[in-house]
């Protein structure tokens, strides 16, 4: 059970109510984020841009998000992003490898592995090592590297919110949310 009650549309402050009313799916994460009413809309916009407007390949973004979820022990994030990861091309074998914390499994190609290693280092150490960063530069543009760091950081923030407030896990709806914001 959540440590803080969710914001409900009928009693939400005007700024949060406006955002909540426009959401096609009222997930618990959104109803919890709405408590920070001045941050809610900007956070939603940042999350939307990460999911829909990055040049970083979507599959790599989702592998990184799943890795953040596992490293952070954020079940909610995991449940919502497994279907998105599969939709973007992650295989069942890759998802299973991440679930058992095997980010170096043979099912990952060298580019997948450097993204996962960079994610580990960002989460664990605050940023990738020089070696990992140089490897990222050999595969990605500066924009894509910054997008990866932003995606990892954003989903770390979301994981910490989920864990700190003990958000109740919603049924997986991430694909429906993503489809609704891509329109």
Protein backbone atom coordinates (compact mmCIF):
# COMPACT_ATOMS: atom_id res chain seq x y z
CA UNK A 1 0.00 0.00 0.00
CA UNK A 2 1.28 3.44 -0.92
CA UNK A 3 2.71 5.58 1.86
CA UNK A 4 0.95 8.67 0.49
CA UNK A 5 -2.59 8.67 -0.90
CA UNK A 6 -2.82 9.16 -4.65
CA UNK A 7 -4.06 12.47 -6.01
CA UNK A 8 -7.56 11.96 -7.40
CA UNK A 9 -8.83 14.09 -10.27
CA UNK A 10 -11.85 15.49 -8.36
CA UNK A 11 -9.69 16.85 -5.53
CA UNK A 12 -6.51 17.66 -7.46
CA UNK A 13 -5.11 21.20 -7.46
CA UNK A 14 -5.92 22.95 -10.78
CA UNK A 15 -2.48 22.50 -12.40
CA UNK A 16 -2.36 18.78 -11.56
CA UNK A 17 -6.03 18.28 -12.42
CA UNK A 18 -5.45 19.66 -15.92
CA UNK A 19 -2.65 17.14 -16.55
CA UNK A 20 -4.49 14.21 -14.96
CA UNK A 21 -7.65 14.87 -16.97
CA UNK A 22 -5.70 14.69 -20.24
CA UNK A 23 -4.07 11.36 -19.43
CA UNK A 24 -5.61 8.45 -21.33
CA UNK A 25 -4.59 6.07 -18.52
CA UNK A 26 -4.51 7.18 -14.89
CA UNK A 27 -1.60 5.09 -13.59
CA UNK A 28 -0.60 5.25 -9.94
CA UNK A 29 2.79 6.75 -10.85
CA UNK A 30 1.02 9.74 -12.43
CA UNK A 31 -1.36 10.13 -9.48
CA UNK A 32 1.64 10.13 -7.14
CA UNK A 33 3.67 12.55 -9.27
CA UNK A 34 0.68 14.93 -9.18
CA UNK A 35 1.48 15.76 -5.53
CA UNK A 36 4.40 17.79 -6.89
CA UNK A 37 2.00 19.91 -8.88
CA UNK A 38 4.56 22.44 -10.13
CA UNK A 39 6.88 19.64 -11.25
CA UNK A 40 4.19 17.34 -12.63
CA UNK A 41 3.73 18.83 -16.12
CA UNK A 42 7.50 19.31 -16.73
CA UNK A 43 8.21 15.75 -15.57
CA UNK A 44 5.50 14.40 -17.86
CA UNK A 45 6.93 16.36 -20.79
CA UNK A 46 10.45 15.13 -20.10
CA UNK A 47 9.23 11.54 -19.82
CA UNK A 48 7.28 11.90 -23.05
CA UNK A 49 10.26 13.33 -24.92
CA UNK A 50 12.48 10.50 -23.67
CA UNK A 51 9.95 7.93 -24.87
CA UNK A 52 9.07 9.54 -28.19
CA UNK A 53 11.66 12.03 -29.43
CA UNK A 54 15.13 10.68 -28.76
CA UNK A 55 17.53 9.63 -31.51
CA UNK A 56 18.88 6.92 -29.22
CA UNK A 57 17.34 3.70 -30.55
CA UNK A 58 14.20 2.82 -28.59
CA UNK A 59 15.32 -0.75 -27.90
CA UNK A 60 18.55 0.48 -26.31
CA UNK A 61 16.64 3.05 -24.26
CA UNK A 62 14.32 0.32 -23.00
CA UNK A 63 17.17 -2.06 -22.17
CA UNK A 64 18.70 0.76 -20.12
CA UNK A 65 15.36 1.45 -18.37
CA UNK A 66 14.94 -2.23 -17.52
CA UNK A 67 18.47 -2.28 -16.15
CA UNK A 68 17.71 0.78 -13.99
CA UNK A 69 14.55 -0.95 -12.75
CA UNK A 70 16.49 -4.07 -11.73
CA UNK A 71 19.39 -2.19 -10.14
CA UNK A 72 16.93 0.02 -8.24
CA UNK A 73 14.59 -2.84 -7.32
CA UNK A 74 11.73 -0.86 -8.85
CA UNK A 75 9.11 -3.51 -9.63
CA UNK A 76 6.62 -0.93 -10.90
CA UNK A 77 9.09 0.35 -13.49
CA UNK A 78 9.96 -3.21 -14.52
CA UNK A 79 6.31 -4.23 -14.98
CA UNK A 80 5.49 -1.17 -17.08
CA UNK A 81 8.60 -1.31 -19.29
CA UNK A 82 8.95 -5.02 -20.10
CA UNK A 83 6.13 -4.82 -22.70
CA UNK A 84 7.57 -1.60 -24.12
CA UNK A 85 11.02 -3.21 -24.38
CA UNK A 86 9.55 -6.17 -26.25
CA UNK A 87 7.59 -3.84 -28.52
CA UNK A 88 10.83 -2.02 -29.41
CA UNK A 89 12.66 -5.25 -30.30
CA UNK A 90 14.06 -6.64 -27.05
CA UNK A 91 13.80 -10.42 -27.08
CA UNK A 92 12.32 -12.61 -24.37
CA UNK A 93 15.84 -13.94 -23.83
CA UNK A 94 17.19 -10.40 -23.27
CA UNK A 95 14.42 -9.56 -20.82
CA UNK A 96 15.05 -12.82 -18.96
CA UNK A 97 18.79 -12.09 -18.83
CA UNK A 98 18.14 -8.66 -17.32
CA UNK A 99 15.66 -10.15 -14.88
CA UNK A 100 18.37 -12.48 -13.58
CA UNK A 101 20.86 -9.56 -13.55
CA UNK A 102 22.99 -10.95 -16.38
CA UNK A 103 23.70 -7.80 -18.38
CA UNK A 104 26.68 -9.49 -20.05
CA UNK A 105 24.66 -12.44 -21.42
CA UNK A 106 25.42 -13.76 -24.90
CA UNK A 107 21.98 -12.60 -26.12
CA UNK A 108 23.25 -9.00 -26.04
CA UNK A 109 25.38 -7.70 -28.89
CA UNK A 110 28.40 -5.46 -28.20
CA UNK A 111 26.35 -2.25 -28.54
CA UNK A 112 23.68 -3.55 -26.14
CA UNK A 113 26.43 -4.49 -23.69
CA UNK A 114 28.09 -1.07 -23.72
CA UNK A 115 24.71 0.60 -23.10
CA UNK A 116 24.04 -1.77 -20.21
CA UNK A 117 27.53 -1.29 -18.81
CA UNK A 118 27.16 2.49 -19.05
CA UNK A 119 23.78 2.21 -17.30
CA UNK A 120 25.36 0.17 -14.50
CA UNK A 121 28.13 2.73 -14.09
CA UNK A 122 25.74 5.70 -14.14
CA UNK A 123 23.54 4.11 -11.50
CA UNK A 124 26.39 2.79 -9.37
CA UNK A 125 29.13 5.40 -9.85
CA UNK A 126 27.34 8.53 -11.05
CA UNK A 127 28.70 8.24 -14.61
CA UNK A 128 30.45 5.94 -17.06
CA UNK A 129 34.17 5.26 -16.76
CA UNK A 130 36.53 6.73 -19.34
CA UNK A 131 36.77 3.35 -21.04
CA UNK A 132 33.01 2.90 -21.25
CA UNK A 133 32.52 6.51 -22.38
CA UNK A 134 35.07 6.05 -25.18
CA UNK A 135 33.23 2.92 -26.27
CA UNK A 136 29.92 4.82 -26.25
CA UNK A 137 31.55 7.45 -28.47
CA UNK A 138 32.55 4.79 -30.97
CA UNK A 139 28.89 3.78 -31.41
CA UNK A 140 26.81 6.89 -30.71
CA UNK A 141 26.60 10.58 -31.48
CA UNK A 142 27.05 13.12 -28.70
CA UNK A 143 23.29 13.64 -28.74
CA UNK A 144 22.60 9.93 -28.25
CA UNK A 145 25.07 9.70 -25.37
CA UNK A 146 23.44 12.62 -23.59
CA UNK A 147 20.01 11.12 -24.29
CA UNK A 148 21.12 7.84 -22.71
CA UNK A 149 22.35 9.62 -19.59
CA UNK A 150 19.10 11.61 -19.38
CA UNK A 151 16.97 8.48 -19.82
CA UNK A 152 18.90 6.61 -17.13
CA UNK A 153 18.74 9.60 -14.78
CA UNK A 154 15.02 10.19 -15.34
CA UNK A 155 14.15 6.56 -14.71
CA UNK A 156 16.37 6.54 -11.61
CA UNK A 157 14.30 9.47 -10.30
CA UNK A 158 11.08 7.63 -11.13
CA UNK A 159 12.39 4.45 -9.46
CA UNK A 160 13.24 6.38 -6.31
CA UNK A 161 9.77 7.94 -6.26
CA UNK A 162 8.14 4.52 -6.74
CA UNK A 163 10.18 2.93 -3.98
CA UNK A 164 10.05 5.84 -1.52
CA UNK A 165 6.27 6.15 -1.72
CA UNK A 166 5.66 2.41 -2.23
CA UNK A 167 3.48 2.93 -5.27
CA UNK A 168 1.08 0.05 -5.82
CA UNK A 169 1.97 -1.79 -9.02
CA UNK A 170 -0.57 -1.18 -11.77
CA UNK A 171 -1.31 -3.77 -14.43
CA UNK A 172 1.16 -3.32 -17.29
CA UNK A 173 -0.12 -0.41 -19.36
CA UNK A 174 3.14 1.09 -20.59
CA UNK A 175 2.52 0.17 -24.22
CA UNK A 176 -0.94 1.78 -24.14
CA UNK A 177 0.49 4.91 -22.54
CA UNK A 178 3.27 5.07 -25.13
CA UNK A 179 0.82 4.53 -27.99
CA UNK A 180 -1.43 7.30 -26.70
CA UNK A 181 1.37 9.87 -26.49
CA UNK A 182 2.76 9.02 -29.93
CA UNK A 183 -0.46 10.12 -31.65
